[in-house]
Amino acid sequence: MDLLFIADPLDTFKVSKDSTLAMMRVAQAAGHRLWFCQSRHVLWRSNAVVADCQPLVIKPSSTAWYELGAIQDRALNSFSAV
C-alpha cells in the first residue's frame, strides 16, 4: 500500500516521542510504501486534490533518520490512505 503522511517538516520531529514517526515506522515495517508532504503542498488542480509529495524511507538512526526521494505530483486518491 502507498501511504501519504501530511505532516510538519520532518526536521522538526522529536524523534524520541513523535507519534507520526511511530506510525511511519510501523507502516514501513509492515511493508507499506511511505510518502510525505506538508499541508502547504496539497492543492486543487483540474478537478482533483493533488499534492507535491516525496517517497520516504525511515532509517534506524536518530540523527539522519529519514531519506526523501524526488518530488512527484500525485492525486490524493491514488494513495491507499492519507
Foldseek 3Di string as FASTA:
>chain_A
DEEEDADDPPVPDPLVDHPVVVVVVVCVVVPYWYKYDYPVQWDADPNFIKGFIWTKDAQPDPPCGIDTHHTDIGTPVVGPYD
